[in-house]
Amino acid sequence: MFEINKQAFGAFVASLRREKGMTQKELAARLCISDKAVSKWETGINIPDVAMLMPLAEALEVSVTELLNCRRTEQTLDAAQVEDIVKTAIRYSEAADPKRRKINKRRLILYFLCLLIAAVEVTIAHLLGYSVSDYSEAMEVVLILCPLFGLYFMVFAMEKLPAYYDENSITAFSDGIFRINIPGVRFNNRNWPHILRVGQIWSMGMLVAYPVLNYTMRLLFPSFWAQYETNITLVLLLGGLFIPLMIVGRKYQ
C-alpha cells in the first residue's frame, strides 16, 4: 500500500516553493490559509487536507500525483496506482481532521463535576478525623490515576478512529502517550464508541465511588480492609477496566 512520507512531502513542497521564489506567507496567501499551516506541511508535522491538494499543486505547478509522490516524474502511472495514492491522501486527511478531537462540553462539565464530588468526599473525610497521612498507597493511586485516565477518555480521546483502523486488522491503539493493547480485540469504529464509554464510566465511577468505599470499609471492617485493600483495589482498577474493555471490544468488533 502506498504511504505518504510527511517529511519527504514537506521537503518537496518547500523545494518547489523556493523554486517559485515564494515565501511561506506568499504561498499561504495564494491558498487563502495561514502561513503557519504551510510551515507545518514543510516541517512534516502534517499534510494538507485532501481538498487543498489540487490548489497547492496548481500553485507549485506540479500534478497532484507528483505532489503526493514527493517528486517530479515523467512516468505515467496506471489507474490502480493513482487510486491508491488518492485513497492514501484521503485516509491521512481524515486522521488529521481536527474535528475528530472536538471537545464535548457536556463531558468536560461532567469530568469537573466528578472531580468536585471526589474533592468534597475527601474534605468530609478530613472533617471526620482522617488526615493525609492516613491515605494508603492504593488510595493515592486511585486519586491520581483516575483523573488522568478520565481526562483522556472524557475530554481528549478522538470521537472516531482514522479510516485505516476499519480497513486493517489492528490490535493496538496509540494516541500520543496513550496506548491500549487488548488480547483478541481489533480496534475499529464499530467498537471504539463502546470502548470509550467503558473508559469514561470506569474512570469517573472509580474516582467518585472509591473514596466512599475506602472510608466505609475502614470504618466497618478495619482489619480486613488493612489486609486486603491493595488486592481489592488492583482488581477494581485493572479488572474493572480491562475486562469490560475486552468484552465490548470483542462483541462489537
Protein backbone atom coordinates (compact mmCIF):
# COMPACT_ATOMS: atom_id res chain seq x y z
CA MET A 1 0.00 0.00 0.00
CA PHE A 2 1.23 3.48 -0.91
CA GLU A 3 2.29 5.57 2.10
CA ILE A 4 2.96 9.29 2.29
CA ASN A 5 6.21 10.26 3.98
CA LYS A 6 5.34 13.52 5.73
CA GLN A 7 8.96 14.66 5.94
CA ALA A 8 9.56 13.95 2.25
CA PHE A 9 6.28 15.68 1.37
CA GLY A 10 7.27 18.75 3.38
CA ALA A 11 10.74 18.91 1.87
CA PHE A 12 9.28 18.62 -1.66
CA VAL A 13 6.77 21.42 -1.03
CA ALA A 14 9.49 23.65 0.44
CA SER A 15 11.77 22.97 -2.54
CA LEU A 16 9.03 23.78 -5.05
CA ARG A 17 8.07 26.93 -3.17
CA ARG A 18 11.65 28.18 -3.19
CA GLU A 19 11.94 27.39 -6.91
CA LYS A 20 8.99 29.74 -7.47
CA GLY A 21 10.65 32.41 -5.34
CA MET A 22 7.74 32.43 -2.89
CA THR A 23 7.84 32.82 0.85
CA GLN A 24 5.62 30.69 3.07
CA LYS A 25 3.44 33.75 3.63
CA GLU A 26 3.04 34.32 -0.13
CA LEU A 27 2.11 30.69 -0.78
CA ALA A 28 -0.34 30.80 2.10
CA ALA A 29 -1.93 33.96 0.68
CA ARG A 30 -2.47 32.24 -2.69
CA LEU A 31 -4.17 29.34 -0.94
CA CYS A 32 -6.15 31.59 1.46
CA ILE A 33 -4.69 29.89 4.53
CA SER A 34 -2.27 30.89 7.28
CA ASP A 35 1.49 30.72 6.84
CA LYS A 36 1.57 28.54 9.96
CA ALA A 37 -0.28 25.84 8.01
CA VAL A 38 2.34 25.96 5.26
CA SER A 39 5.09 25.79 7.88
CA LYS A 40 3.52 22.65 9.39
CA TRP A 41 3.43 20.99 5.96
CA GLU A 42 7.06 21.81 5.25
CA THR A 43 8.30 20.63 8.64
CA GLY A 44 6.44 17.32 8.31
CA ILE A 45 4.02 17.90 11.18
CA ASN A 46 1.03 17.16 8.94
CA ILE A 47 -0.10 17.20 5.32
CA PRO A 48 -2.83 19.29 3.69
CA ASP A 49 -6.47 18.35 3.71
CA VAL A 50 -7.43 16.47 0.58
CA ALA A 51 -9.43 19.50 -0.65
CA MET A 52 -6.23 21.57 -0.56
CA LEU A 53 -4.12 19.23 -2.71
CA MET A 54 -5.27 20.49 -6.11
CA PRO A 55 -4.88 24.23 -5.30
CA LEU A 56 -1.46 23.53 -3.79
CA ALA A 57 -0.37 21.53 -6.84
CA GLU A 58 -1.53 24.32 -9.16
CA ALA A 59 0.28 26.96 -7.11
CA LEU A 60 3.51 24.95 -7.27
CA GLU A 61 2.92 23.96 -10.94
CA VAL A 62 3.07 20.20 -10.44
CA SER A 63 0.47 17.49 -10.69
CA VAL A 64 -1.34 16.16 -7.64
CA THR A 65 0.26 12.79 -8.29
CA GLU A 66 3.74 14.33 -8.26
CA LEU A 67 2.86 16.20 -5.09
CA LEU A 68 1.80 13.02 -3.33
CA ASN A 69 4.77 11.08 -4.70
CA CYS A 70 7.01 13.86 -3.31
CA ARG A 71 8.99 14.07 -6.59
CA ARG A 72 8.68 15.08 -10.19
CA THR A 73 8.07 12.18 -12.53
CA GLU A 74 7.89 11.62 -16.25
CA GLN A 75 6.44 8.17 -15.82
CA THR A 76 2.72 7.75 -16.35
CA LEU A 77 1.01 5.92 -13.52
CA ASP A 78 -1.72 3.40 -14.18
CA ALA A 79 -5.23 3.82 -12.79
CA ALA A 80 -4.67 1.46 -9.86
CA GLN A 81 -1.58 3.38 -8.69
CA VAL A 82 -3.37 6.72 -8.92
CA GLU A 83 -6.36 5.36 -7.00
CA ASP A 84 -4.08 4.01 -4.28
CA ILE A 85 -2.40 7.41 -3.92
CA VAL A 86 -5.72 9.26 -3.70
CA LYS A 87 -7.11 6.82 -1.11
CA THR A 88 -3.98 7.29 0.99
CA ALA A 89 -4.37 11.07 0.84
CA ILE A 90 -7.96 10.78 2.00
CA ARG A 91 -7.02 8.48 4.89
CA TYR A 92 -4.32 10.88 6.09
CA SER A 93 -6.71 13.80 5.75
CA GLU A 94 -9.29 12.01 7.88
CA ALA A 95 -6.70 11.11 10.50
CA ALA A 96 -5.61 14.74 10.81
CA ASP A 97 -9.13 16.19 10.86
CA PRO A 98 -9.25 18.49 13.93
CA LYS A 99 -13.00 17.93 14.23
CA ARG A 100 -12.22 14.41 15.43
CA ARG A 101 -10.78 15.97 18.57
CA LYS A 102 -13.61 18.41 19.16
CA ILE A 103 -14.12 18.61 22.90
CA ASN A 104 -17.55 17.53 24.11
CA LYS A 105 -18.57 20.30 26.50
CA ARG A 106 -21.06 18.16 28.40
CA ARG A 107 -18.42 15.53 29.11
CA LEU A 108 -16.00 18.26 30.16
CA ILE A 109 -18.58 19.58 32.66
CA LEU A 110 -19.23 16.03 33.90
CA TYR A 111 -15.49 15.47 34.35
CA PHE A 112 -15.09 18.54 36.56
CA LEU A 113 -18.28 17.67 38.44
CA CYS A 114 -16.81 14.24 39.31
CA LEU A 115 -13.58 15.90 40.41
CA LEU A 116 -15.60 18.21 42.63
CA ILE A 117 -17.56 15.31 44.15
CA ALA A 118 -14.33 13.44 44.91
CA ALA A 119 -12.86 16.59 46.49
CA VAL A 120 -15.97 17.01 48.66
CA GLU A 121 -15.72 13.36 49.77
CA VAL A 122 -12.08 13.80 50.76
CA THR A 123 -12.92 17.03 52.61
CA ILE A 124 -15.73 15.35 54.54
CA ALA A 125 -13.35 12.52 55.48
CA HIS A 126 -10.88 15.08 56.84
CA LEU A 127 -13.66 16.66 58.90
CA LEU A 128 -14.41 13.21 60.31
CA GLY A 129 -10.85 12.82 61.50
CA TYR A 130 -8.96 11.30 58.55
CA SER A 131 -5.71 13.00 57.54
CA VAL A 132 -3.44 12.77 54.51
CA SER A 133 -1.11 10.54 56.50
CA ASP A 134 -3.96 8.02 56.79
CA TYR A 135 -4.09 7.55 53.00
CA SER A 136 -2.85 4.22 51.77
CA GLU A 137 -0.82 3.84 48.58
CA ALA A 138 -3.89 2.32 46.94
CA MET A 139 -5.97 5.40 47.75
CA GLU A 140 -3.28 7.69 46.37
CA VAL A 141 -3.02 5.67 43.15
CA VAL A 142 -6.79 5.91 42.57
CA LEU A 143 -6.87 9.66 43.24
CA ILE A 144 -4.05 10.21 40.73
CA LEU A 145 -4.74 7.58 38.08
CA CYS A 146 -8.49 8.00 37.64
CA PRO A 147 -8.41 11.77 36.95
CA LEU A 148 -5.62 11.24 34.39
CA PHE A 149 -7.44 8.45 32.57
CA GLY A 150 -10.70 10.36 32.90
CA LEU A 151 -9.14 13.43 31.32
CA TYR A 152 -8.26 11.36 28.27
CA PHE A 153 -11.49 9.36 27.94
CA MET A 154 -13.80 12.27 28.78
CA VAL A 155 -12.03 15.16 27.08
CA PHE A 156 -9.18 14.37 24.70
CA ALA A 157 -9.99 10.99 23.11
CA MET A 158 -10.88 11.15 19.42
CA GLU A 159 -14.55 10.51 18.70
CA LYS A 160 -13.79 8.47 15.58
CA LEU A 161 -10.76 6.45 14.57
CA PRO A 162 -8.96 7.08 11.27
CA ALA A 163 -10.25 5.02 8.35
CA TYR A 164 -7.23 2.69 8.28
CA TYR A 165 -8.43 1.10 11.54
CA ASP A 166 -11.52 -0.11 9.66
CA GLU A 167 -9.54 -1.25 6.64
CA ASN A 168 -6.95 -3.28 8.54
CA SER A 169 -6.83 -5.69 11.47
CA ILE A 170 -5.15 -3.50 14.11
CA THR A 171 -4.86 -4.93 17.61
CA ALA A 172 -3.23 -1.94 19.31
CA PHE A 173 -4.36 1.67 19.64
CA SER A 174 -1.87 4.50 20.01
CA ASP A 175 -2.64 8.17 20.60
CA GLY A 176 0.38 10.14 21.77
CA ILE A 177 1.49 8.70 25.10
CA PHE A 178 -1.78 6.79 25.48
CA ARG A 179 -1.64 3.10 24.48
CA ILE A 180 -4.20 0.30 24.53
CA ASN A 181 -3.45 -3.30 23.60
CA ILE A 182 -6.14 -5.83 24.49
CA PRO A 183 -5.66 -9.51 23.54
CA GLY A 184 -8.12 -10.60 20.88
CA VAL A 185 -9.51 -7.11 20.23
CA ARG A 186 -9.21 -5.37 16.85
CA PHE A 187 -9.85 -1.65 17.11
CA ASN A 188 -12.26 -0.07 14.64
CA ASN A 189 -15.13 2.40 14.53
CA ARG A 190 -17.68 -0.27 15.43
CA ASN A 191 -16.28 -0.97 18.88
CA TRP A 192 -14.48 2.33 19.56
CA PRO A 193 -17.58 4.22 20.90
CA HIS A 194 -18.22 1.35 23.33
CA ILE A 195 -14.57 1.27 24.40
CA LEU A 196 -14.70 5.00 25.08
CA ARG A 197 -17.88 4.61 27.11
CA VAL A 198 -16.28 1.89 29.26
CA GLY A 199 -13.25 4.11 29.90
CA GLN A 200 -15.46 7.05 30.85
CA ILE A 201 -17.65 5.06 33.23
CA TRP A 202 -14.68 3.29 34.83
CA SER A 203 -12.52 6.37 35.40
CA MET A 204 -15.29 8.61 36.72
CA GLY A 205 -17.02 5.82 38.63
CA MET A 206 -13.83 4.82 40.43
CA LEU A 207 -12.98 8.44 41.20
CA VAL A 208 -16.34 9.08 42.86
CA ALA A 209 -17.03 5.67 44.42
CA TYR A 210 -13.61 4.63 45.73
CA PRO A 211 -13.21 7.25 48.50
CA VAL A 212 -16.63 6.28 49.88
CA LEU A 213 -15.75 2.58 49.65
CA ASN A 214 -12.39 3.18 51.30
CA TYR A 215 -13.74 5.15 54.26
CA THR A 216 -16.70 2.78 54.75
CA MET A 217 -14.54 -0.35 54.75
CA ARG A 218 -12.02 1.23 57.13
CA LEU A 219 -14.86 2.08 59.48
CA LEU A 220 -16.77 -1.22 59.35
CA PHE A 221 -14.03 -3.77 58.67
CA PRO A 222 -10.70 -2.17 59.65
CA SER A 223 -8.67 -5.38 59.99
CA PHE A 224 -9.97 -6.94 56.79
CA TRP A 225 -9.50 -3.74 54.80
CA ALA A 226 -6.00 -3.16 56.11
CA GLN A 227 -5.02 -6.65 54.96
CA TYR A 228 -6.76 -6.82 51.59
CA GLU A 229 -7.17 -3.20 50.44
CA THR A 230 -4.32 -3.34 47.95
CA ASN A 231 -5.53 -6.58 46.34
CA ILE A 232 -9.14 -5.41 46.12
CA THR A 233 -8.07 -2.06 44.66
CA LEU A 234 -5.94 -3.76 41.99
CA VAL A 235 -8.93 -5.91 41.00
CA LEU A 236 -11.14 -2.82 40.77
CA LEU A 237 -8.54 -0.83 38.84
CA LEU A 238 -7.33 -3.47 36.39
CA GLY A 239 -10.26 -5.85 36.19
CA GLY A 240 -12.79 -3.05 36.29
CA LEU A 241 -11.25 -1.55 33.16
CA PHE A 242 -9.72 -4.28 31.04
CA ILE A 243 -12.35 -6.98 31.45
CA PRO A 244 -15.21 -4.69 30.28
CA LEU A 245 -12.94 -3.33 27.51
CA MET A 246 -12.26 -6.85 26.32
CA ILE A 247 -15.96 -7.76 26.42
CA VAL A 248 -17.24 -4.78 24.44
CA GLY A 249 -14.18 -4.76 22.17
CA ARG A 250 -14.80 -8.34 21.08
CA LYS A 251 -18.58 -8.04 21.00
CA TYR A 252 -18.71 -5.07 18.63
CA GLN A 253 -15.58 -5.56 16.53
